[in-house]
Amino acid sequence: MNSRYERLRCFSLFHRCADLACDATDRTLTRSAAATGRVSTRATDSHCGHISLRNTRCRPATRWAPKPRLRAIMRRHQTQAGDATTSRRLASLVPLLLMIVASCSNAGPPAPTETVRELSWSRIALPESVAASTLAATSEALLVGGRASSGGDHPVLFVVDASGSTRSVPLHPTSPYAKAADLVSVAARGEEVVALGAAHGGAHANFRWTVWAGSRQRLDEYPQTFETFGGQSAGGLIDIVITSEGAAIAGTWAASEGGLDAAVWLPRGRKWLRQESAGTALANTKELQVAPRAASAVGSTMIISGSVITFSDGAEQRAAVWTQPSRSSAWMLHQLPDAGTHSEALSSRCAETCWISGHADGRVALWSFDPADATGTATRDSTLPSMEIDADGPGPRTVLSGDRPGVLFSHAGSSRALLRDGRNGWQTFTAPAGSVLDATTVGDRLYAIIRTEDAVGLWTADLATT
């Protein structure tokens, strides 16, 4: 049992006995004062403030003489003639008080904390000026997107094999902003690779977005018009994904109801076109505002994760996902269960089951649903260890080791990896200090981008023995 609860229980019992002692003392002193005629004019003395463990006194005294310490009271009244009954009552409280004190002192140790096991991490060497931003898994290698500062800011993409060796992918930017872009989202399916680049620009230093496509051998930028992702109605872009029907971009765009709708762009040839959100589950309504944060894909299904803000009973932010089984299907909104009063879904990975990690009321949270039929199938994993998370940070990252889900997350400068074991329980592992920016797996190898105050590093660990 929780030791804090035990202490509170013991304190309340102690006070109850102390009050009984005070009551018995009151009656004895009242009779004594009546017999001797000694009356006090001090109406606010405390009967037992000296033994109270709270900050307030037991209660105001009656108008009788000030009361000495409880031990002195008990000794004195045990020797007074004509008060044997009260003396016995007072004396009987002593062993009870002692039993309570002993119970409090032996309330047991605090509840055991989660055992944290060591996981052997090693850092993968990237060129010194490179800051990694995003990861994407292929069947046999890892893709790392980011930006390098040597010779001026420019985008970079690396292929990392199982041995940790890295190879730079040739990039071919066309527009000025592409030449200084940070590759912030990368996706791969088969031989196809796509990426989103972001660079600050313009009078207001807003993001200027660039779209890239190619393979692990070469990536080319395909310039878009300014109005494709920019202008007065622009929101932001969050991810690029590839379903079995092709690439798609998720982001936000100005809503007719106010705020920003979730939005999706699809390619037509090399041009990207925004799809209409009004009248779909991606749009804001008078009762609900949408807040997309990330996107992923499994088969033909595109998944957007984030939250919705509802106003029916005060403002509440609840974790949510949007799914589109195919491009001919309508978008569907699923508010996730057991989401508390402030929660978000921030990262998803899918096999036969989709797992979505996020936070709920300041704790790391994990939900799952059936990607073939998400309606009504979502549940929150109640076995996940309850651990604090930086709710205002980059958020947790969901990973899969085979069909086992895992979550990598950070709190107060420390990082942890939670991995499900073969008994439907969880194991907690160490991770490099800092904030987790992204994470994924290739086979049994876990990769993570972790940012500290002065650096961004790419780390890896072998999960085969976990």
Protein backbone atom coordinates (compact mmCIF):
# COMPACT_ATOMS: atom_id res chain seq x y z
CA MET A 1 0.00 0.00 0.00
CA ASN A 2 1.17 3.54 -0.70
CA SER A 3 3.24 4.80 2.24
CA ARG A 4 1.83 8.32 1.99
CA TYR A 5 -1.66 6.92 2.40
CA GLU A 6 -0.51 4.90 5.44
CA ARG A 7 0.92 8.01 7.07
CA LEU A 8 -2.27 9.99 6.54
CA ARG A 9 -4.35 7.12 7.93
CA CYS A 10 -2.13 6.86 11.01
CA PHE A 11 -2.20 10.61 11.60
CA SER A 12 -5.99 10.68 11.54
CA LEU A 13 -6.18 7.78 14.03
CA PHE A 14 -3.64 9.49 16.25
CA HIS A 15 -5.73 12.66 16.27
CA ARG A 16 -8.87 10.72 17.06
CA CYS A 17 -7.24 9.20 20.13
CA ALA A 18 -5.79 12.55 21.13
CA ASP A 19 -9.26 14.08 20.89
CA LEU A 20 -10.65 11.29 23.08
CA ALA A 21 -7.92 12.06 25.61
CA CYS A 22 -8.79 15.74 25.46
CA ASP A 23 -12.48 14.99 25.98
CA ALA A 24 -11.77 12.83 29.00
CA THR A 25 -9.44 15.51 30.37
CA ASP A 26 -12.09 18.19 29.83
CA ARG A 27 -14.63 16.28 31.87
CA THR A 28 -12.16 15.62 34.67
CA LEU A 29 -10.92 19.21 34.81
CA THR A 30 -14.47 20.51 34.67
CA ARG A 31 -15.40 18.52 37.72
CA SER A 32 -12.16 19.51 39.47
CA ALA A 33 -12.71 23.19 38.73
CA ALA A 34 -16.29 22.99 39.88
CA ALA A 35 -15.13 21.45 43.12
CA THR A 36 -12.37 24.00 43.76
CA GLY A 37 -13.98 27.06 42.16
CA ARG A 38 -10.95 27.82 39.91
CA VAL A 39 -12.28 29.35 36.69
CA SER A 40 -10.16 30.76 33.85
CA THR A 41 -11.10 33.69 31.69
CA ARG A 42 -8.90 32.42 28.79
CA ALA A 43 -11.46 31.11 26.33
CA THR A 44 -9.10 30.32 23.45
CA ASP A 45 -6.51 28.01 24.99
CA SER A 46 -5.83 24.79 23.13
CA HIS A 47 -6.44 21.44 24.79
CA CYS A 48 -3.94 19.49 22.76
CA GLY A 49 -2.12 21.78 20.36
CA HIS A 50 1.17 20.47 21.68
CA ILE A 51 0.45 16.95 20.36
CA SER A 52 -1.25 17.96 17.14
CA LEU A 53 0.52 16.89 13.92
CA ARG A 54 -1.55 19.30 11.87
CA ASN A 55 -1.03 23.02 11.50
CA THR A 56 -4.24 23.87 13.32
CA ARG A 57 -5.10 23.41 16.95
CA CYS A 58 -7.50 20.68 18.07
CA ARG A 59 -10.24 23.19 19.04
CA PRO A 60 -10.72 26.16 21.40
CA ALA A 61 -10.72 25.35 25.12
CA THR A 62 -13.61 25.83 27.48
CA ARG A 63 -13.40 28.49 30.15
CA TRP A 64 -11.53 26.32 32.63
CA ALA A 65 -7.93 26.57 33.70
CA PRO A 66 -5.14 26.12 31.11
CA LYS A 67 -4.28 22.48 30.51
CA PRO A 68 -0.81 21.06 31.08
CA ARG A 69 0.82 18.41 28.85
CA LEU A 70 -1.12 15.20 28.31
CA ARG A 71 1.40 13.08 30.22
CA ALA A 72 1.18 15.38 33.24
CA ILE A 73 -2.63 15.36 33.06
CA MET A 74 -2.70 11.59 33.02
CA ARG A 75 -0.25 11.24 35.90
CA ARG A 76 -2.11 13.79 37.99
CA HIS A 77 -5.58 12.37 37.46
CA GLN A 78 -4.47 8.84 38.03
CA THR A 79 -3.61 9.89 41.59
CA GLN A 80 -6.71 11.92 42.31
CA ALA A 81 -9.31 10.29 44.55
CA GLY A 82 -12.87 10.06 43.33
CA ASP A 83 -11.85 9.92 39.56
CA ALA A 84 -10.81 6.32 39.13
CA THR A 85 -13.10 5.75 36.13
CA THR A 86 -11.69 8.68 34.15
CA SER A 87 -8.14 7.65 35.09
CA ARG A 88 -8.76 4.17 33.75
CA ARG A 89 -10.16 5.62 30.53
CA LEU A 90 -7.15 7.86 30.06
CA ALA A 91 -4.77 5.05 30.89
CA SER A 92 -6.48 2.79 28.38
CA LEU A 93 -5.65 5.25 25.61
CA VAL A 94 -1.90 4.90 26.15
CA PRO A 95 -1.46 1.44 24.59
CA LEU A 96 -3.76 2.42 21.72
CA LEU A 97 -1.68 5.52 20.99
CA LEU A 98 1.48 3.45 21.17
CA MET A 99 0.01 0.90 18.77
CA ILE A 100 -0.85 3.66 16.29
CA VAL A 101 2.64 5.16 16.51
CA ALA A 102 4.15 1.70 15.95
CA SER A 103 1.82 1.16 13.00
CA CYS A 104 2.90 4.47 11.49
CA SER A 105 6.57 3.69 11.97
CA ASN A 106 6.10 0.26 10.38
CA ALA A 107 3.86 1.29 7.48
CA GLY A 108 6.20 -0.48 5.11
CA PRO A 109 8.49 0.79 2.34
CA PRO A 110 7.19 2.93 -0.55
CA ALA A 111 5.61 1.10 -3.47
CA PRO A 112 8.33 -0.29 -5.74
CA THR A 113 9.30 1.86 -8.69
CA GLU A 114 9.57 0.60 -12.24
CA THR A 115 12.78 -1.36 -12.79
CA VAL A 116 14.90 0.32 -15.45
CA ARG A 117 17.15 -2.04 -17.37
CA GLU A 118 20.30 -1.05 -19.19
CA LEU A 119 20.18 -0.98 -22.98
CA SER A 120 23.51 -0.72 -24.77
CA TRP A 121 23.39 2.34 -27.02
CA SER A 122 26.06 3.50 -29.45
CA ARG A 123 26.27 6.72 -31.40
CA ILE A 124 26.40 6.64 -35.19
CA ALA A 125 28.92 9.08 -36.58
CA LEU A 126 27.51 11.65 -38.98
CA PRO A 127 29.53 14.54 -40.45
CA GLU A 128 30.24 17.11 -37.76
CA SER A 129 27.99 19.86 -39.12
CA VAL A 130 24.97 17.60 -39.69
CA ALA A 131 21.84 17.92 -37.54
CA ALA A 132 19.51 14.96 -38.12
CA SER A 133 15.79 15.78 -38.15
CA THR A 134 13.85 12.70 -39.27
CA LEU A 135 14.11 8.95 -39.78
CA ALA A 136 12.47 6.53 -42.21
CA ALA A 137 12.84 2.76 -42.32
CA THR A 138 13.25 0.68 -45.44
CA SER A 139 13.34 -3.11 -45.59
CA GLU A 140 17.10 -3.22 -45.14
CA ALA A 141 18.41 0.23 -44.24
CA LEU A 142 17.67 3.47 -42.41
CA LEU A 143 17.14 6.86 -44.06
CA VAL A 144 18.22 9.95 -42.12
CA GLY A 145 17.11 13.40 -43.26
CA GLY A 146 18.32 16.71 -41.95
CA ARG A 147 20.50 19.70 -42.69
CA ALA A 148 24.22 20.46 -42.64
CA SER A 149 25.79 23.84 -41.95
CA SER A 150 29.26 23.42 -43.45
CA GLY A 151 29.63 25.63 -46.51
CA GLY A 152 26.23 27.20 -45.79
CA ASP A 153 22.99 25.50 -44.81
CA HIS A 154 21.96 22.71 -47.15
CA PRO A 155 19.78 19.57 -46.99
CA VAL A 156 21.24 16.10 -46.43
CA LEU A 157 19.98 12.54 -46.71
CA PHE A 158 21.93 9.49 -45.53
CA VAL A 159 21.49 5.77 -45.87
CA VAL A 160 22.64 3.86 -42.77
CA ASP A 161 23.16 0.09 -43.02
CA ALA A 162 23.04 -2.51 -40.23
CA SER A 163 26.74 -2.07 -39.48
CA GLY A 164 26.31 1.65 -38.86
CA SER A 165 28.07 2.70 -42.06
CA THR A 166 26.60 5.79 -43.68
CA ARG A 167 26.29 6.83 -47.31
CA SER A 168 25.18 10.25 -48.53
CA VAL A 169 22.36 10.34 -51.09
CA PRO A 170 22.94 12.92 -53.88
CA LEU A 171 20.35 15.70 -53.67
CA HIS A 172 19.37 17.99 -56.55
CA PRO A 173 17.58 21.16 -55.40
CA THR A 174 16.14 23.59 -57.93
CA SER A 175 14.50 26.46 -56.03
CA PRO A 176 16.45 28.82 -53.72
CA TYR A 177 14.64 27.59 -50.61
CA ALA A 178 15.35 23.96 -51.45
CA LYS A 179 19.08 24.69 -51.43
CA ALA A 180 18.88 25.73 -47.77
CA ALA A 181 16.15 23.34 -46.67
CA ASP A 182 16.08 21.01 -43.69
CA LEU A 183 14.59 17.64 -44.68
CA VAL A 184 12.03 17.39 -41.87
CA SER A 185 9.97 14.42 -43.08
CA VAL A 186 11.03 11.43 -45.17
CA ALA A 187 9.01 8.39 -46.26
CA ALA A 188 9.93 5.25 -48.20
CA ARG A 189 8.02 2.40 -49.82
CA GLY A 190 9.88 -0.15 -51.90
CA GLU A 191 12.33 1.82 -53.99
CA GLU A 192 10.38 5.07 -53.79
CA VAL A 193 11.56 7.83 -51.45
CA VAL A 194 9.84 11.19 -50.86
CA ALA A 195 10.71 14.06 -48.55
CA LEU A 196 9.56 17.45 -47.28
CA GLY A 197 12.00 20.31 -46.88
CA ALA A 198 11.53 23.43 -44.78
CA ALA A 199 13.43 26.70 -44.76
CA HIS A 200 12.58 30.08 -43.24
CA GLY A 201 12.10 32.90 -45.70
CA GLY A 202 10.15 35.96 -46.76
CA ALA A 203 9.39 39.14 -44.86
CA HIS A 204 7.87 37.25 -41.94
CA ALA A 205 10.39 34.38 -41.94
CA ASN A 206 7.60 31.84 -42.46
CA PHE A 207 8.43 28.33 -43.55
CA ARG A 208 8.93 27.82 -47.26
CA TRP A 209 8.14 24.20 -48.12
CA THR A 210 9.79 22.08 -50.77
CA VAL A 211 8.85 18.61 -52.04
CA TRP A 212 11.38 15.97 -53.06
CA ALA A 213 11.08 12.57 -54.75
CA GLY A 214 13.40 9.85 -56.00
CA SER A 215 15.13 6.83 -54.53
CA ARG A 216 17.98 5.89 -52.23
CA GLN A 217 20.30 6.67 -55.13
CA ARG A 218 19.12 10.21 -55.92
CA LEU A 219 16.55 12.72 -54.66
CA ASP A 220 15.24 15.63 -56.75
CA GLU A 221 13.25 18.68 -55.70
CA TYR A 222 10.10 19.46 -57.70
CA PRO A 223 9.25 23.16 -57.29
CA GLN A 224 5.67 24.16 -56.52
CA THR A 225 3.88 27.48 -56.88
CA PHE A 226 3.91 29.77 -53.86
CA GLU A 227 0.15 29.30 -53.34
CA THR A 228 0.48 25.49 -53.11
CA PHE A 229 1.63 25.62 -49.48
CA GLY A 230 1.81 29.37 -48.79
CA GLY A 231 -0.21 32.55 -48.77
CA GLN A 232 -2.65 34.14 -46.34
CA SER A 233 -4.60 30.92 -45.81
CA ALA A 234 -1.57 28.74 -45.21
CA GLY A 235 -1.10 26.74 -42.08
CA GLY A 236 1.81 24.31 -41.96
CA LEU A 237 2.87 20.89 -43.17
CA ILE A 238 3.43 18.06 -40.72
CA ASP A 239 4.40 14.90 -42.65
CA ILE A 240 4.76 13.23 -46.00
CA VAL A 241 3.73 9.55 -46.28
CA ILE A 242 3.38 6.86 -48.94
CA THR A 243 0.34 4.57 -49.07
CA SER A 244 -0.14 1.80 -51.59
CA GLU A 245 -1.91 4.41 -53.73
CA GLY A 246 0.95 6.88 -53.68
CA ALA A 247 2.44 9.76 -51.72
CA ALA A 248 0.41 12.24 -49.66
CA ILE A 249 1.15 15.26 -47.50
CA ALA A 250 -0.69 16.17 -44.29
CA GLY A 251 -0.88 19.67 -42.88
CA THR A 252 -3.26 22.50 -42.01
CA TRP A 253 -5.13 25.22 -43.91
CA ALA A 254 -7.40 28.12 -42.94
CA ALA A 255 -10.90 27.01 -42.02
CA SER A 256 -14.16 28.69 -42.98
CA GLU A 257 -15.32 28.22 -39.37
CA GLY A 258 -12.15 29.89 -38.08
CA GLY A 259 -8.84 28.40 -37.03
CA LEU A 260 -7.13 25.79 -39.17
CA ASP A 261 -8.60 22.67 -40.73
CA ALA A 262 -6.54 19.53 -41.19
CA ALA A 263 -5.59 19.32 -44.86
CA VAL A 264 -4.20 16.77 -47.33
CA TRP A 265 -2.29 17.34 -50.55
CA LEU A 266 -2.04 14.74 -53.32
CA PRO A 267 0.25 14.75 -56.36
CA ARG A 268 -0.91 15.08 -59.91
CA GLY A 269 2.19 14.37 -61.88
CA ARG A 270 4.84 16.53 -60.23
CA LYS A 271 2.34 19.13 -58.97
CA TRP A 272 0.73 18.91 -55.55
CA LEU A 273 -2.93 19.82 -55.08
CA ARG A 274 -4.72 20.48 -51.82
CA GLN A 275 -7.90 18.47 -51.30
CA GLU A 276 -11.04 20.16 -49.97
CA SER A 277 -11.46 19.71 -46.21
CA ALA A 278 -14.80 21.51 -45.76
CA GLY A 279 -17.62 19.09 -45.07
CA THR A 280 -15.24 16.27 -44.09
CA ALA A 281 -14.00 14.96 -40.75
CA LEU A 282 -10.83 17.04 -41.28
CA ALA A 283 -12.72 20.32 -40.85
CA ASN A 284 -13.47 22.41 -37.79
CA THR A 285 -17.05 22.79 -36.63
CA LYS A 286 -18.74 25.08 -34.10
CA GLU A 287 -18.50 22.29 -31.52
CA LEU A 288 -15.02 20.98 -32.29
CA GLN A 289 -11.61 22.20 -33.44
CA VAL A 290 -9.07 19.86 -34.98
CA ALA A 291 -5.33 19.82 -34.24
CA PRO A 292 -3.35 17.40 -36.45
CA ARG A 293 0.22 16.69 -35.34
CA ALA A 294 1.61 13.77 -37.38
CA ALA A 295 0.79 11.35 -40.18
CA SER A 296 1.64 7.79 -41.19
CA ALA A 297 0.44 5.09 -43.60
CA VAL A 298 -0.22 1.37 -43.66
CA GLY A 299 -1.30 -0.32 -46.87
CA SER A 300 -3.86 1.94 -48.56
CA THR A 301 -4.79 3.64 -45.26
CA MET A 302 -3.55 7.11 -44.35
CA ILE A 303 -3.56 8.00 -40.65
CA ILE A 304 -3.38 11.47 -39.12
CA SER A 305 -2.86 11.71 -35.36
CA GLY A 306 -3.37 14.68 -33.07
CA SER A 307 -6.23 15.95 -30.94
CA VAL A 308 -9.57 17.69 -30.98
CA ILE A 309 -10.71 20.51 -28.72
CA THR A 310 -14.34 20.25 -27.68
CA PHE A 311 -16.52 22.88 -26.00
CA SER A 312 -19.67 21.04 -24.91
CA ASP A 313 -18.62 20.93 -21.23
CA GLY A 314 -15.82 23.46 -21.03
CA ALA A 315 -12.75 23.26 -23.27
CA GLU A 316 -11.16 19.81 -23.33
CA GLN A 317 -8.34 18.57 -25.54
CA ARG A 318 -8.66 14.87 -26.37
CA ALA A 319 -6.33 12.60 -28.31
CA ALA A 320 -7.73 11.65 -31.72
CA VAL A 321 -6.86 10.01 -35.02
CA TRP A 322 -8.27 10.43 -38.49
CA THR A 323 -8.23 7.50 -40.91
CA GLN A 324 -8.89 7.20 -44.63
CA PRO A 325 -8.95 3.53 -45.71
CA SER A 326 -8.45 4.48 -49.37
CA ARG A 327 -8.54 7.61 -51.47
CA SER A 328 -12.07 6.81 -52.56
CA SER A 329 -13.18 6.60 -48.92
CA ALA A 330 -14.29 9.38 -46.61
CA TRP A 331 -12.11 10.55 -43.76
CA MET A 332 -13.24 9.35 -40.32
CA LEU A 333 -12.51 10.92 -36.94
CA HIS A 334 -11.90 8.66 -33.93
CA GLN A 335 -11.64 10.26 -30.49
CA LEU A 336 -9.46 7.94 -28.47
CA PRO A 337 -10.84 6.40 -25.25
CA ASP A 338 -9.61 7.00 -21.68
CA ALA A 339 -7.89 10.17 -22.86
CA GLY A 340 -8.27 12.28 -19.72
CA THR A 341 -8.90 16.02 -19.99
CA HIS A 342 -5.70 17.03 -21.83
CA SER A 343 -4.20 14.56 -24.27
CA GLU A 344 -2.70 14.19 -27.73
CA ALA A 345 -1.83 11.36 -30.10
CA LEU A 346 1.55 12.08 -31.62
CA SER A 347 3.12 9.05 -33.32
CA SER A 348 1.81 5.86 -34.91
CA ARG A 349 3.25 2.61 -36.27
CA CYS A 350 1.24 -0.20 -37.77
CA ALA A 351 1.52 -3.90 -38.53
CA GLU A 352 -1.61 -6.02 -38.05
CA THR A 353 -2.44 -3.56 -35.25
CA CYS A 354 -1.82 0.19 -35.25
CA TRP A 355 -0.20 1.60 -32.12
CA ILE A 356 -0.41 5.31 -31.33
CA SER A 357 1.63 6.93 -28.59
CA GLY A 358 1.05 10.29 -27.02
CA HIS A 359 0.36 11.79 -23.63
CA ALA A 360 -2.69 12.00 -21.37
CA ASP A 361 -2.75 14.33 -18.37
CA GLY A 362 1.05 14.52 -18.26
CA ARG A 363 1.69 10.77 -18.58
CA VAL A 364 2.89 8.75 -21.54
CA ALA A 365 -0.04 6.97 -23.19
CA LEU A 366 -0.46 4.26 -25.82
CA TRP A 367 -3.56 3.34 -27.79
CA SER A 368 -4.20 0.68 -30.41
CA PHE A 369 -6.77 0.04 -33.11
CA ASP A 370 -7.46 -2.22 -36.06
CA PRO A 371 -6.35 -0.40 -39.24
CA ALA A 372 -8.80 -2.45 -41.32
CA ASP A 373 -11.74 -1.16 -39.26
CA ALA A 374 -10.82 1.59 -36.84
CA THR A 375 -14.38 2.44 -35.82
CA GLY A 376 -14.97 1.34 -32.25
CA THR A 377 -11.80 -0.75 -32.03
CA ALA A 378 -9.50 1.75 -30.29
CA THR A 379 -8.39 0.98 -26.74
CA ARG A 380 -5.85 2.47 -24.37
CA ASP A 381 -3.17 0.13 -23.03
CA SER A 382 -3.79 0.00 -19.28
CA THR A 383 -0.64 -2.09 -18.64
CA LEU A 384 1.78 0.61 -19.82
CA PRO A 385 3.83 1.92 -16.88
CA SER A 386 2.58 5.30 -15.67
CA MET A 387 5.48 7.64 -16.35
CA GLU A 388 5.75 11.41 -16.70
CA ILE A 389 6.47 12.88 -20.11
CA ASP A 390 7.38 16.30 -21.47
CA ALA A 391 3.92 17.15 -22.80
CA ASP A 392 5.24 20.37 -24.36
CA GLY A 393 8.23 18.66 -25.96
CA PRO A 394 8.61 16.82 -29.27
CA GLY A 395 6.44 14.00 -27.93
CA PRO A 396 6.92 10.24 -27.75
CA ARG A 397 7.76 8.06 -30.73
CA THR A 398 6.12 4.72 -31.39
CA VAL A 399 8.33 1.87 -32.60
CA LEU A 400 7.75 -1.76 -33.53
CA SER A 401 10.15 -4.64 -32.90
CA GLY A 402 8.55 -7.39 -34.92
CA ASP A 403 4.95 -7.21 -33.70
CA ARG A 404 5.95 -5.85 -30.27
CA PRO A 405 5.14 -2.16 -29.73
CA GLY A 406 7.46 0.24 -27.97
CA VAL A 407 7.58 3.90 -27.00
CA LEU A 408 10.61 6.18 -26.77
CA PHE A 409 10.02 9.39 -24.81
CA SER A 410 11.66 12.06 -22.69
CA HIS A 411 11.06 13.82 -19.40
CA ALA A 412 13.19 16.49 -17.71
CA GLY A 413 16.27 15.71 -19.78
CA SER A 414 16.09 11.93 -19.39
CA SER A 415 14.88 9.46 -22.02
CA ARG A 416 13.36 6.00 -21.63
CA ALA A 417 12.37 3.17 -23.93
CA LEU A 418 9.30 1.11 -23.04
CA LEU A 419 9.08 -2.23 -24.85
CA ARG A 420 6.38 -4.83 -24.55
CA ASP A 421 7.67 -8.25 -23.53
CA GLY A 422 6.36 -11.64 -24.58
CA ARG A 423 3.98 -11.83 -21.58
CA ASN A 424 1.98 -8.71 -22.46
CA GLY A 425 3.93 -6.80 -19.83
CA TRP A 426 6.40 -3.97 -20.32
CA GLN A 427 10.11 -3.50 -19.79
CA THR A 428 11.69 -0.11 -19.20
CA PHE A 429 15.12 0.59 -20.66
CA THR A 430 17.63 3.39 -20.46
CA ALA A 431 18.13 5.73 -23.42
CA PRO A 432 20.61 8.54 -24.06
CA ALA A 433 19.93 11.76 -22.19
CA GLY A 434 18.13 14.54 -24.01
CA SER A 435 14.89 15.00 -25.95
CA VAL A 436 13.76 12.34 -28.39
CA LEU A 437 13.09 13.94 -31.79
CA ASP A 438 12.37 10.78 -33.79
CA ALA A 439 12.77 7.02 -33.56
CA THR A 440 12.18 3.92 -35.66
CA THR A 441 13.35 0.35 -36.08
CA VAL A 442 14.91 -1.63 -38.91
CA GLY A 443 14.67 -5.32 -38.04
CA ASP A 444 15.84 -5.74 -34.45
CA ARG A 445 17.79 -2.48 -34.41
CA LEU A 446 16.36 0.62 -32.75
CA TYR A 447 17.39 4.08 -33.95
CA ALA A 448 16.75 7.43 -32.30
CA ILE A 449 17.54 11.09 -32.88
CA ILE A 450 18.17 12.73 -29.52
CA ARG A 451 18.81 16.41 -28.94
CA THR A 452 20.80 17.83 -26.05
CA GLU A 453 21.53 21.47 -25.28
CA ASP A 454 24.53 21.58 -27.58
CA ALA A 455 24.13 18.76 -30.09
CA VAL A 456 21.82 16.46 -32.01
CA GLY A 457 22.93 12.83 -32.19
CA LEU A 458 21.87 9.65 -33.97
CA TRP A 459 21.89 6.63 -31.65
CA THR A 460 21.24 2.92 -32.07
CA ALA A 461 20.64 -0.15 -29.88
CA ASP A 462 20.09 -3.85 -30.56
CA LEU A 463 16.70 -5.13 -29.40
CA ALA A 464 17.34 -8.78 -30.25
CA THR A 465 18.15 -9.68 -26.63
CA THR A 466 15.32 -7.70 -24.97
